[in-house]
Full PDB file with SEQRES, HELIX, SHEET, SSBOND, CRYST1, ORIGX, SCALE, CONECT and MASTER records, all heavy atoms in Angstrom:
SEQRES   1 A   42  ILE GLY GLY GLY ILE ILE GLY VAL THR ALA ALA LEU GLU          
SEQRES   2 A   42  LEU ALA GLU ARG GLY VAL SER VAL CYS LEU CYS GLU LYS          
SEQRES   3 A   42  GLY VAL ILE ALA GLY GLU GLN SER SER ARG ASN TRP GLY          
SEQRES   4 A   42  TRP THR ARG                                                  
HELIX    1 AA1 ILE A    5  GLU A   16  1                                  12    
HELIX    2 AA2 GLN A   33  ARG A   36  1                                   4    
CRYST1    1.000    1.000    1.000  90.00  90.00  90.00 P 1           1          
ORIGX1      1.000000  0.000000  0.000000        0.00000                         
ORIGX2      0.000000  1.000000  0.000000        0.00000                         
ORIGX3      0.000000  0.000000  1.000000        0.00000                         
SCALE1      1.000000  0.000000  0.000000        0.00000                         
SCALE2      0.000000  1.000000  0.000000        0.00000                         
SCALE3      0.000000  0.000000  1.000000        0.00000                         
ATOM      1  N   ILE A   1       3.141  16.915 -28.432  1.00  0.00           N  
ATOM      2  CA  ILE A   1       3.117  17.280 -27.017  1.00  0.00           C  
ATOM      3  C   ILE A   1       3.211  15.997 -26.203  1.00  0.00           C  
ATOM      4  O   ILE A   1       2.283  15.187 -26.187  1.00  0.00           O  
ATOM      5  CB  ILE A   1       1.834  18.047 -26.663  1.00  0.00           C  
ATOM      6  CG1 ILE A   1       1.699  19.298 -27.539  1.00  0.00           C  
ATOM      7  CG2 ILE A   1       1.820  18.419 -25.183  1.00  0.00           C  
ATOM      8  CD1 ILE A   1       0.353  19.994 -27.408  1.00  0.00           C  
ATOM      9  N   GLY A   2       4.338  15.793 -25.526  1.00  0.00           N  
ATOM     10  CA  GLY A   2       4.506  14.620 -24.683  1.00  0.00           C  
ATOM     11  C   GLY A   2       5.646  13.737 -25.129  1.00  0.00           C  
ATOM     12  O   GLY A   2       5.710  13.314 -26.277  1.00  0.00           O  
ATOM     13  N   GLY A   3       6.567  13.445 -24.180  1.00  0.00           N  
ATOM     14  CA  GLY A   3       7.761  12.666 -24.482  1.00  0.00           C  
ATOM     15  C   GLY A   3       7.746  11.272 -23.908  1.00  0.00           C  
ATOM     16  O   GLY A   3       8.792  10.761 -23.507  1.00  0.00           O  
ATOM     17  N   GLY A   4       6.564  10.634 -23.876  1.00  0.00           N  
ATOM     18  CA  GLY A   4       6.490   9.219 -23.559  1.00  0.00           C  
ATOM     19  C   GLY A   4       6.674   8.393 -24.816  1.00  0.00           C  
ATOM     20  O   GLY A   4       7.025   8.910 -25.886  1.00  0.00           O  
ATOM     21  N   ILE A   5       6.405   7.099 -24.726  1.00  0.00           N  
ATOM     22  CA  ILE A   5       6.677   6.235 -25.865  1.00  0.00           C  
ATOM     23  C   ILE A   5       5.811   6.568 -27.071  1.00  0.00           C  
ATOM     24  O   ILE A   5       6.264   6.443 -28.217  1.00  0.00           O  
ATOM     25  CB  ILE A   5       6.529   4.748 -25.486  1.00  0.00           C  
ATOM     26  CG1 ILE A   5       7.069   3.863 -26.626  1.00  0.00           C  
ATOM     27  CG2 ILE A   5       5.088   4.399 -25.124  1.00  0.00           C  
ATOM     28  CD1 ILE A   5       7.259   2.423 -26.257  1.00  0.00           C  
ATOM     29  N   ILE A   6       4.577   7.030 -26.864  1.00  0.00           N  
ATOM     30  CA  ILE A   6       3.713   7.346 -27.996  1.00  0.00           C  
ATOM     31  C   ILE A   6       4.249   8.562 -28.751  1.00  0.00           C  
ATOM     32  O   ILE A   6       4.388   8.542 -29.978  1.00  0.00           O  
ATOM     33  CB  ILE A   6       2.274   7.587 -27.540  1.00  0.00           C  
ATOM     34  CG1 ILE A   6       1.781   6.434 -26.658  1.00  0.00           C  
ATOM     35  CG2 ILE A   6       1.363   7.788 -28.742  1.00  0.00           C  
ATOM     36  CD1 ILE A   6       1.840   5.067 -27.305  1.00  0.00           C  
ATOM     37  N   GLY A   7       4.548   9.621 -28.020  1.00  0.00           N  
ATOM     38  CA  GLY A   7       5.080  10.809 -28.677  1.00  0.00           C  
ATOM     39  C   GLY A   7       6.417  10.560 -29.332  1.00  0.00           C  
ATOM     40  O   GLY A   7       6.682  11.031 -30.446  1.00  0.00           O  
ATOM     41  N   VAL A   8       7.279   9.791 -28.664  1.00  0.00           N  
ATOM     42  CA  VAL A   8       8.620   9.539 -29.199  1.00  0.00           C  
ATOM     43  C   VAL A   8       8.553   8.670 -30.455  1.00  0.00           C  
ATOM     44  O   VAL A   8       9.237   8.944 -31.451  1.00  0.00           O  
ATOM     45  CB  VAL A   8       9.512   8.893 -28.126  1.00  0.00           C  
ATOM     46  CG1 VAL A   8      10.784   8.323 -28.729  1.00  0.00           C  
ATOM     47  CG2 VAL A   8       9.859   9.929 -27.054  1.00  0.00           C  
ATOM     48  N   THR A   9       7.747   7.615 -30.449  1.00  0.00           N  
ATOM     49  CA  THR A   9       7.666   6.771 -31.652  1.00  0.00           C  
ATOM     50  C   THR A   9       6.991   7.509 -32.799  1.00  0.00           C  
ATOM     51  O   THR A   9       7.342   7.302 -33.973  1.00  0.00           O  
ATOM     52  CB  THR A   9       6.929   5.454 -31.370  1.00  0.00           C  
ATOM     53  OG1 THR A   9       5.648   5.732 -30.779  1.00  0.00           O  
ATOM     54  CG2 THR A   9       7.733   4.574 -30.433  1.00  0.00           C  
ATOM     55  N   ALA A  10       6.041   8.390 -32.497  1.00  0.00           N  
ATOM     56  CA  ALA A  10       5.448   9.208 -33.554  1.00  0.00           C  
ATOM     57  C   ALA A  10       6.493  10.136 -34.158  1.00  0.00           C  
ATOM     58  O   ALA A  10       6.557  10.324 -35.388  1.00  0.00           O  
ATOM     59  CB  ALA A  10       4.272  10.010 -33.007  1.00  0.00           C  
ATOM     60  N   ALA A  11       7.334  10.740 -33.302  1.00  0.00           N  
ATOM     61  CA  ALA A  11       8.407  11.606 -33.804  1.00  0.00           C  
ATOM     62  C   ALA A  11       9.384  10.819 -34.657  1.00  0.00           C  
ATOM     63  O   ALA A  11       9.856  11.298 -35.703  1.00  0.00           O  
ATOM     64  CB  ALA A  11       9.128  12.264 -32.627  1.00  0.00           C  
ATOM     65  N   LEU A  12       9.721   9.607 -34.227  1.00  0.00           N  
ATOM     66  CA  LEU A  12      10.630   8.756 -34.992  1.00  0.00           C  
ATOM     67  C   LEU A  12      10.049   8.449 -36.364  1.00  0.00           C  
ATOM     68  O   LEU A  12      10.745   8.564 -37.384  1.00  0.00           O  
ATOM     69  CB  LEU A  12      10.889   7.464 -34.212  1.00  0.00           C  
ATOM     70  CG  LEU A  12      11.762   6.402 -34.886  1.00  0.00           C  
ATOM     71  CD1 LEU A  12      13.172   6.926 -35.117  1.00  0.00           C  
ATOM     72  CD2 LEU A  12      11.796   5.123 -34.029  1.00  0.00           C  
ATOM     73  N   GLU A  13       8.793   8.064 -36.404  1.00  0.00           N  
ATOM     74  CA  GLU A  13       8.143   7.742 -37.676  1.00  0.00           C  
ATOM     75  C   GLU A  13       8.100   8.956 -38.608  1.00  0.00           C  
ATOM     76  O   GLU A  13       8.403   8.855 -39.792  1.00  0.00           O  
ATOM     77  CB  GLU A  13       6.721   7.236 -37.428  1.00  0.00           C  
ATOM     78  CG  GLU A  13       6.641   5.823 -36.911  1.00  0.00           C  
ATOM     79  CD  GLU A  13       6.826   4.784 -38.011  1.00  0.00           C  
ATOM     80  OE1 GLU A  13       6.775   5.154 -39.203  1.00  0.00           O  
ATOM     81  OE2 GLU A  13       7.015   3.614 -37.679  1.00  0.00           O  
ATOM     82  N   LEU A  14       7.701  10.096 -38.074  1.00  0.00           N  
ATOM     83  CA  LEU A  14       7.603  11.299 -38.902  1.00  0.00           C  
ATOM     84  C   LEU A  14       8.965  11.726 -39.423  1.00  0.00           C  
ATOM     85  O   LEU A  14       9.117  12.104 -40.596  1.00  0.00           O  
ATOM     86  CB  LEU A  14       6.947  12.430 -38.111  1.00  0.00           C  
ATOM     87  CG  LEU A  14       5.447  12.247 -37.828  1.00  0.00           C  
ATOM     88  CD1 LEU A  14       4.981  13.242 -36.776  1.00  0.00           C  
ATOM     89  CD2 LEU A  14       4.637  12.410 -39.113  1.00  0.00           C  
ATOM     90  N   ALA A  15       9.974  11.671 -38.573  1.00  0.00           N  
ATOM     91  CA  ALA A  15      11.323  12.045 -39.010  1.00  0.00           C  
ATOM     92  C   ALA A  15      11.817  11.108 -40.102  1.00  0.00           C  
ATOM     93  O   ALA A  15      12.468  11.548 -41.062  1.00  0.00           O  
ATOM     94  CB  ALA A  15      12.276  12.034 -37.821  1.00  0.00           C  
ATOM     95  N   GLU A  16      11.527   9.820 -39.971  1.00  0.00           N  
ATOM     96  CA  GLU A  16      11.923   8.872 -41.015  1.00  0.00           C  
ATOM     97  C   GLU A  16      11.256   9.180 -42.347  1.00  0.00           C  
ATOM     98  O   GLU A  16      11.805   8.870 -43.404  1.00  0.00           O  
ATOM     99  CB  GLU A  16      11.571   7.441 -40.579  1.00  0.00           C  
ATOM    100  CG  GLU A  16      12.484   6.884 -39.496  1.00  0.00           C  
ATOM    101  CD  GLU A  16      12.066   5.500 -39.045  1.00  0.00           C  
ATOM    102  OE1 GLU A  16      10.857   5.160 -39.134  1.00  0.00           O  
ATOM    103  OE2 GLU A  16      12.944   4.741 -38.594  1.00  0.00           O  
ATOM    104  N   ARG A  17      10.087   9.799 -42.307  1.00  0.00           N  
ATOM    105  CA  ARG A  17       9.353  10.115 -43.536  1.00  0.00           C  
ATOM    106  C   ARG A  17       9.688  11.497 -44.077  1.00  0.00           C  
ATOM    107  O   ARG A  17       9.083  11.954 -45.046  1.00  0.00           O  
ATOM    108  CB  ARG A  17       7.848  10.002 -43.279  1.00  0.00           C  
ATOM    109  CG  ARG A  17       7.426   8.618 -42.793  1.00  0.00           C  
ATOM    110  CD  ARG A  17       5.928   8.519 -42.576  1.00  0.00           C  
ATOM    111  NE  ARG A  17       5.608   7.344 -41.765  1.00  0.00           N  
ATOM    112  CZ  ARG A  17       4.385   6.845 -41.627  1.00  0.00           C  
ATOM    113  NH1 ARG A  17       3.365   7.429 -42.255  1.00  0.00           N  
ATOM    114  NH2 ARG A  17       4.172   5.787 -40.871  1.00  0.00           N  
ATOM    115  N   GLY A  18      10.617  12.172 -43.442  1.00  0.00           N  
ATOM    116  CA  GLY A  18      11.024  13.478 -43.939  1.00  0.00           C  
ATOM    117  C   GLY A  18      10.139  14.621 -43.513  1.00  0.00           C  
ATOM    118  O   GLY A  18      10.186  15.706 -44.096  1.00  0.00           O  
ATOM    119  N   VAL A  19       9.305  14.417 -42.501  1.00  0.00           N  
ATOM    120  CA  VAL A  19       8.445  15.474 -41.980  1.00  0.00           C  
ATOM    121  C   VAL A  19       9.177  16.187 -40.845  1.00  0.00           C  
ATOM    122  O   VAL A  19       9.719  15.533 -39.947  1.00  0.00           O  
ATOM    123  CB  VAL A  19       7.117  14.881 -41.449  1.00  0.00           C  
ATOM    124  CG1 VAL A  19       6.244  15.974 -40.826  1.00  0.00           C  
ATOM    125  CG2 VAL A  19       6.366  14.170 -42.567  1.00  0.00           C  
ATOM    126  N   SER A  20       9.206  17.503 -40.886  1.00  0.00           N  
ATOM    127  CA  SER A  20       9.874  18.240 -39.809  1.00  0.00           C  
ATOM    128  C   SER A  20       8.975  18.218 -38.573  1.00  0.00           C  
ATOM    129  O   SER A  20       7.783  18.515 -38.633  1.00  0.00           O  
ATOM    130  CB  SER A  20      10.178  19.674 -40.223  1.00  0.00           C  
ATOM    131  OG  SER A  20       9.000  20.403 -40.484  1.00  0.00           O  
ATOM    132  N   VAL A  21       9.568  17.853 -37.431  1.00  0.00           N  
ATOM    133  CA  VAL A  21       8.784  17.639 -36.226  1.00  0.00           C  
ATOM    134  C   VAL A  21       9.554  18.121 -35.009  1.00  0.00           C  
ATOM    135  O   VAL A  21      10.776  17.994 -34.935  1.00  0.00           O  
ATOM    136  CB  VAL A  21       8.420  16.134 -36.091  1.00  0.00           C  
ATOM    137  CG1 VAL A  21       9.663  15.257 -36.069  1.00  0.00           C  
ATOM    138  CG2 VAL A  21       7.575  15.870 -34.846  1.00  0.00           C  
ATOM    139  N   CYS A  22       8.818  18.690 -34.070  1.00  0.00           N  
ATOM    140  CA  CYS A  22       9.393  19.073 -32.786  1.00  0.00           C  
ATOM    141  C   CYS A  22       8.561  18.449 -31.685  1.00  0.00           C  
ATOM    142  O   CYS A  22       7.339  18.634 -31.640  1.00  0.00           O  
ATOM    143  CB  CYS A  22       9.416  20.595 -32.620  1.00  0.00           C  
ATOM    144  SG  CYS A  22      10.093  21.138 -31.011  1.00  0.00           S  
ATOM    145  N   LEU A  23       9.211  17.690 -30.817  1.00  0.00           N  
ATOM    146  CA  LEU A  23       8.548  17.106 -29.654  1.00  0.00           C  
ATOM    147  C   LEU A  23       8.867  17.957 -28.436  1.00  0.00           C  
ATOM    148  O   LEU A  23      10.031  18.228 -28.156  1.00  0.00           O  
ATOM    149  CB  LEU A  23       9.019  15.661 -29.442  1.00  0.00           C  
ATOM    150  CG  LEU A  23       8.374  14.866 -28.304  1.00  0.00           C  
ATOM    151  CD1 LEU A  23       8.404  13.374 -28.630  1.00  0.00           C  
ATOM    152  CD2 LEU A  23       9.056  15.107 -26.964  1.00  0.00           C  
ATOM    153  N   CYS A  24       7.815  18.364 -27.722  1.00  0.00           N  
ATOM    154  CA  CYS A  24       7.988  19.154 -26.498  1.00  0.00           C  
ATOM    155  C   CYS A  24       7.562  18.329 -25.298  1.00  0.00           C  
ATOM    156  O   CYS A  24       6.426  17.838 -25.245  1.00  0.00           O  
ATOM    157  CB  CYS A  24       7.160  20.432 -26.562  1.00  0.00           C  
ATOM    158  SG  CYS A  24       7.697  21.608 -27.818  1.00  0.00           S  
ATOM    159  N   GLU A  25       8.448  18.173 -24.343  1.00  0.00           N  
ATOM    160  CA  GLU A  25       8.179  17.420 -23.118  1.00  0.00           C  
ATOM    161  C   GLU A  25       8.380  18.343 -21.920  1.00  0.00           C  
ATOM    162  O   GLU A  25       9.422  18.984 -21.792  1.00  0.00           O  
ATOM    163  CB  GLU A  25       9.111  16.216 -23.026  1.00  0.00           C  
ATOM    164  CG  GLU A  25       9.246  15.580 -21.660  1.00  0.00           C  
ATOM    165  CD  GLU A  25       7.919  15.155 -21.045  1.00  0.00           C  
ATOM    166  OE1 GLU A  25       7.091  14.565 -21.768  1.00  0.00           O  
ATOM    167  OE2 GLU A  25       7.722  15.419 -19.853  1.00  0.00           O  
ATOM    168  N   LYS A  26       7.386  18.411 -21.039  1.00  0.00           N  
ATOM    169  CA  LYS A  26       7.459  19.328 -19.905  1.00  0.00           C  
ATOM    170  C   LYS A  26       8.513  18.932 -18.881  1.00  0.00           C  
ATOM    171  O   LYS A  26       8.999  19.764 -18.131  1.00  0.00           O  
ATOM    172  CB  LYS A  26       6.099  19.418 -19.218  1.00  0.00           C  
ATOM    173  CG  LYS A  26       5.624  18.122 -18.589  1.00  0.00           C  
ATOM    174  CD  LYS A  26       4.244  18.278 -17.966  1.00  0.00           C  
ATOM    175  CE  LYS A  26       3.713  16.972 -17.437  1.00  0.00           C  
ATOM    176  NZ  LYS A  26       4.572  16.332 -16.424  1.00  0.00           N  
ATOM    177  N   GLY A  27       8.867  17.640 -18.852  1.00  0.00           N  
ATOM    178  CA  GLY A  27       9.874  17.159 -17.913  1.00  0.00           C  
ATOM    179  C   GLY A  27      11.009  16.489 -18.648  1.00  0.00           C  
ATOM    180  O   GLY A  27      11.742  17.125 -19.402  1.00  0.00           O  
ATOM    181  N   VAL A  28      11.151  15.170 -18.428  1.00  0.00           N  
ATOM    182  CA  VAL A  28      12.201  14.410 -19.097  1.00  0.00           C  
ATOM    183  C   VAL A  28      11.569  13.328 -19.950  1.00  0.00           C  
ATOM    184  O   VAL A  28      10.438  12.896 -19.715  1.00  0.00           O  
ATOM    185  CB  VAL A  28      13.175  13.774 -18.083  1.00  0.00           C  
ATOM    186  CG1 VAL A  28      13.881  14.837 -17.268  1.00  0.00           C  
ATOM    187  CG2 VAL A  28      12.459  12.792 -17.169  1.00  0.00           C  
ATOM    188  N   ILE A  29      12.303  12.870 -20.947  1.00  0.00           N  
ATOM    189  CA  ILE A  29      11.809  11.811 -21.808  1.00  0.00           C  
ATOM    190  C   ILE A  29      11.538  10.550 -20.976  1.00  0.00           C  
ATOM    191  O   ILE A  29      12.405  10.093 -20.228  1.00  0.00           O  
ATOM    192  CB  ILE A  29      12.814  11.512 -22.933  1.00  0.00           C  
ATOM    193  CG1 ILE A  29      12.967  12.732 -23.859  1.00  0.00           C  
ATOM    194  CG2 ILE A  29      12.392  10.275 -23.738  1.00  0.00           C  
ATOM    195  CD1 ILE A  29      11.710  13.157 -24.572  1.00  0.00           C  
ATOM    196  N   ALA A  30      10.317  10.023 -21.102  1.00  0.00           N  
ATOM    197  CA  ALA A  30       9.898   8.788 -20.430  1.00  0.00           C  
ATOM    198  C   ALA A  30       9.919   8.906 -18.909  1.00  0.00           C  
ATOM    199  O   ALA A  30      10.057   7.905 -18.219  1.00  0.00           O  
ATOM    200  CB  ALA A  30      10.747   7.599 -20.879  1.00  0.00           C  
ATOM    201  N   GLY A  31       9.744  10.103 -18.381  1.00  0.00           N  
ATOM    202  CA  GLY A  31       9.796  10.278 -16.936  1.00  0.00           C  
ATOM    203  C   GLY A  31       8.585   9.722 -16.205  1.00  0.00           C  
ATOM    204  O   GLY A  31       8.672   9.430 -15.019  1.00  0.00           O  
ATOM    205  N   GLU A  32       7.471   9.581 -16.924  1.00  0.00           N  
ATOM    206  CA  GLU A  32       6.258   9.121 -16.255  1.00  0.00           C  
ATOM    207  C   GLU A  32       5.979   7.657 -16.615  1.00  0.00           C  
ATOM    208  O   GLU A  32       6.872   6.817 -16.509  1.00  0.00           O  
ATOM    209  CB  GLU A  32       5.106  10.092 -16.560  1.00  0.00           C  
ATOM    210  CG  GLU A  32       5.407  11.456 -15.970  1.00  0.00           C  
ATOM    211  CD  GLU A  32       4.315  12.496 -16.113  1.00  0.00           C  
ATOM    212  OE1 GLU A  32       3.523  12.406 -17.077  1.00  0.00           O  
ATOM    213  OE2 GLU A  32       4.266  13.405 -15.271  1.00  0.00           O  
ATOM    214  N   GLN A  33       4.783   7.304 -17.034  1.00  0.00           N  
ATOM    215  CA  GLN A  33       4.419   5.895 -17.139  1.00  0.00           C  
ATOM    216  C   GLN A  33       5.262   5.110 -18.137  1.00  0.00           C  
ATOM    217  O   GLN A  33       5.420   3.886 -18.002  1.00  0.00           O  
ATOM    218  CB  GLN A  33       2.927   5.775 -17.500  1.00  0.00           C  
ATOM    219  CG  GLN A  33       2.389   4.361 -17.572  1.00  0.00           C  
ATOM    220  CD  GLN A  33       2.530   3.588 -16.260  1.00  0.00           C  
ATOM    221  OE1 GLN A  33       2.768   4.173 -15.211  1.00  0.00           O  
ATOM    222  NE2 GLN A  33       2.377   2.276 -16.318  1.00  0.00           N  
ATOM    223  N   SER A  34       5.843   5.758 -19.119  1.00  0.00           N  
ATOM    224  CA  SER A  34       6.614   5.037 -20.137  1.00  0.00           C  
ATOM    225  C   SER A  34       7.872   4.375 -19.587  1.00  0.00           C  
ATOM    226  O   SER A  34       8.419   3.470 -20.218  1.00  0.00           O  
ATOM    227  CB  SER A  34       6.985   5.978 -21.292  1.00  0.00           C  
ATOM    228  OG  SER A  34       5.832   6.275 -22.058  1.00  0.00           O  
ATOM    229  N   SER A  35       8.339   4.803 -18.414  1.00  0.00           N  
ATOM    230  CA  SER A  35       9.486   4.131 -17.791  1.00  0.00           C  
ATOM    231  C   SER A  35       9.067   3.302 -16.582  1.00  0.00           C  
ATOM    232  O   SER A  35       9.901   2.590 -16.006  1.00  0.00           O  
ATOM    233  CB  SER A  35      10.538   5.152 -17.351  1.00  0.00           C  
ATOM    234  OG  SER A  35      10.004   6.029 -16.369  1.00  0.00           O  
ATOM    235  N   ARG A  36       7.788   3.356 -16.202  1.00  0.00           N  
ATOM    236  CA  ARG A  36       7.339   2.762 -14.941  1.00  0.00           C  
ATOM    237  C   ARG A  36       6.509   1.503 -15.136  1.00  0.00           C  
ATOM    238  O   ARG A  36       6.082   0.878 -14.175  1.00  0.00           O  
ATOM    239  CB  ARG A  36       6.510   3.797 -14.165  1.00  0.00           C  
ATOM    240  CG  ARG A  36       7.327   5.011 -13.769  1.00  0.00           C  
ATOM    241  CD  ARG A  36       6.437   6.219 -13.430  1.00  0.00           C  
ATOM    242  NE  ARG A  36       7.274   7.383 -13.218  1.00  0.00           N  
ATOM    243  CZ  ARG A  36       7.689   7.795 -12.021  1.00  0.00           C  
ATOM    244  NH1 ARG A  36       7.328   7.135 -10.937  1.00  0.00           N  
ATOM    245  NH2 ARG A  36       8.457   8.855 -11.912  1.00  0.00           N  
ATOM    246  N   ASN A  37       6.252   1.145 -16.370  1.00  0.00           N  
ATOM    247  CA  ASN A  37       5.397  -0.002 -16.662  1.00  0.00           C  
ATOM    248  C   ASN A  37       6.157  -1.312 -16.471  1.00  0.00           C  
ATOM    249  O   ASN A  37       7.346  -1.325 -16.157  1.00  0.00           O  
ATOM    250  CB  ASN A  37       4.846   0.112 -18.087  1.00  0.00           C  
ATOM    251  CG  ASN A  37       5.952   0.125 -19.121  1.00  0.00           C  
ATOM    252  OD1 ASN A  37       6.460  -0.916 -19.527  1.00  0.00           O  
ATOM    253  ND2 ASN A  37       6.358   1.321 -19.540  1.00  0.00           N  
ATOM    254  N   TRP A  38       5.496  -2.422 -16.721  1.00  0.00           N  
ATOM    255  CA  TRP A  38       6.089  -3.735 -16.469  1.00  0.00           C  
ATOM    256  C   TRP A  38       7.115  -4.147 -17.517  1.00  0.00           C  
ATOM    257  O   TRP A  38       7.872  -5.096 -17.297  1.00  0.00           O  
ATOM    258  CB  TRP A  38       4.996  -4.800 -16.431  1.00  0.00           C  
ATOM    259  CG  TRP A  38       3.998  -4.650 -15.332  1.00  0.00           C  
ATOM    260  CD1 TRP A  38       4.015  -3.723 -14.323  1.00  0.00           C  
ATOM    261  CD2 TRP A  38       2.835  -5.447 -15.128  1.00  0.00           C  
ATOM    262  NE1 TRP A  38       2.926  -3.890 -13.508  1.00  0.00           N  
ATOM    263  CE2 TRP A  38       2.186  -4.947 -13.982  1.00  0.00           C  
ATOM    264  CE3 TRP A  38       2.276  -6.535 -15.798  1.00  0.00           C  
ATOM    265  CZ2 TRP A  38       1.002  -5.506 -13.494  1.00  0.00           C  
ATOM    266  CZ3 TRP A  38       1.101  -7.082 -15.320  1.00  0.00           C  
ATOM    267  CH2 TRP A  38       0.470  -6.567 -14.175  1.00  0.00           C  
ATOM    268  N   GLY A  39       7.109  -3.512 -18.685  1.00  0.00           N  
ATOM    269  CA  GLY A  39       8.059  -3.895 -19.729  1.00  0.00           C  
ATOM    270  C   GLY A  39       7.604  -5.053 -20.595  1.00  0.00           C  
ATOM    271  O   GLY A  39       8.406  -5.633 -21.319  1.00  0.00           O  
ATOM    272  N   TRP A  40       6.308  -5.386 -20.544  1.00  0.00           N  
ATOM    273  CA  TRP A  40       5.774  -6.442 -21.399  1.00  0.00           C  
ATOM    274  C   TRP A  40       5.428  -5.861 -22.780  1.00  0.00           C  
ATOM    275  O   TRP A  40       4.910  -4.749 -22.885  1.00  0.00           O  
ATOM    276  CB  TRP A  40       4.505  -7.023 -20.808  1.00  0.00           C  
ATOM    277  CG  TRP A  40       4.643  -7.707 -19.486  1.00  0.00           C  
ATOM    278  CD1 TRP A  40       5.580  -7.490 -18.524  1.00  0.00           C  
ATOM    279  CD2 TRP A  40       3.773  -8.722 -18.973  1.00  0.00           C  
ATOM    280  NE1 TRP A  40       5.363  -8.299 -17.439  1.00  0.00           N  
ATOM    281  CE2 TRP A  40       4.249  -9.077 -17.689  1.00  0.00           C  
ATOM    282  CE3 TRP A  40       2.645  -9.367 -19.464  1.00  0.00           C  
ATOM    283  CZ2 TRP A  40       3.632 -10.041 -16.895  1.00  0.00           C  
ATOM    284  CZ3 TRP A  40       2.022 -10.332 -18.680  1.00  0.00           C  
ATOM    285  CH2 TRP A  40       2.508 -10.668 -17.414  1.00  0.00           C  
ATOM    286  N   THR A  41       5.691  -6.610 -23.820  1.00  0.00           N  
ATOM    287  CA  THR A  41       5.220  -6.242 -25.161  1.00  0.00           C  
ATOM    288  C   THR A  41       4.371  -7.411 -25.653  1.00  0.00           C  
ATOM    289  O   THR A  41       4.859  -8.337 -26.270  1.00  0.00           O  
ATOM    290  CB  THR A  41       6.384  -5.951 -26.121  1.00  0.00           C  
ATOM    291  OG1 THR A  41       7.168  -7.134 -26.306  1.00  0.00           O  
ATOM    292  CG2 THR A  41       7.283  -4.857 -25.570  1.00  0.00           C  
ATOM    293  N   ARG A  42       3.112  -7.349 -25.310  1.00  0.00           N  
ATOM    294  CA  ARG A  42       2.257  -8.519 -25.509  1.00  0.00           C  
ATOM    295  C   ARG A  42       1.124  -8.250 -26.494  1.00  0.00           C  
ATOM    296  O   ARG A  42       0.653  -7.121 -26.650  1.00  0.00           O  
ATOM    297  CB  ARG A  42       1.670  -9.003 -24.183  1.00  0.00           C  
ATOM    298  CG  ARG A  42       0.650  -8.081 -23.556  1.00  0.00           C  
ATOM    299  CD  ARG A  42       0.072  -8.675 -22.271  1.00  0.00           C  
ATOM    300  NE  ARG A  42      -0.741  -7.700 -21.563  1.00  0.00           N  
ATOM    301  CZ  ARG A  42      -2.051  -7.559 -21.731  1.00  0.00           C  
ATOM    302  NH1 ARG A  42      -2.687  -8.319 -22.599  1.00  0.00           N  
ATOM    303  NH2 ARG A  42      -2.719  -6.651 -21.048  1.00  0.00           N  
TER     304      ARG A  42                                                      
MASTER        0    0    0    2    0    0    0    6  303    1    0    4          
END                                                                             
């Protein structure tokens, strides 16, 4: 539940491991804080 960076990277990891997964996002992918942050990876 949730299409921000946490939900998306979890889906990526699970799919890579062969686990069937469905991500449901109420709006658009990264529409909220995941696209609005400073962009630092510290």
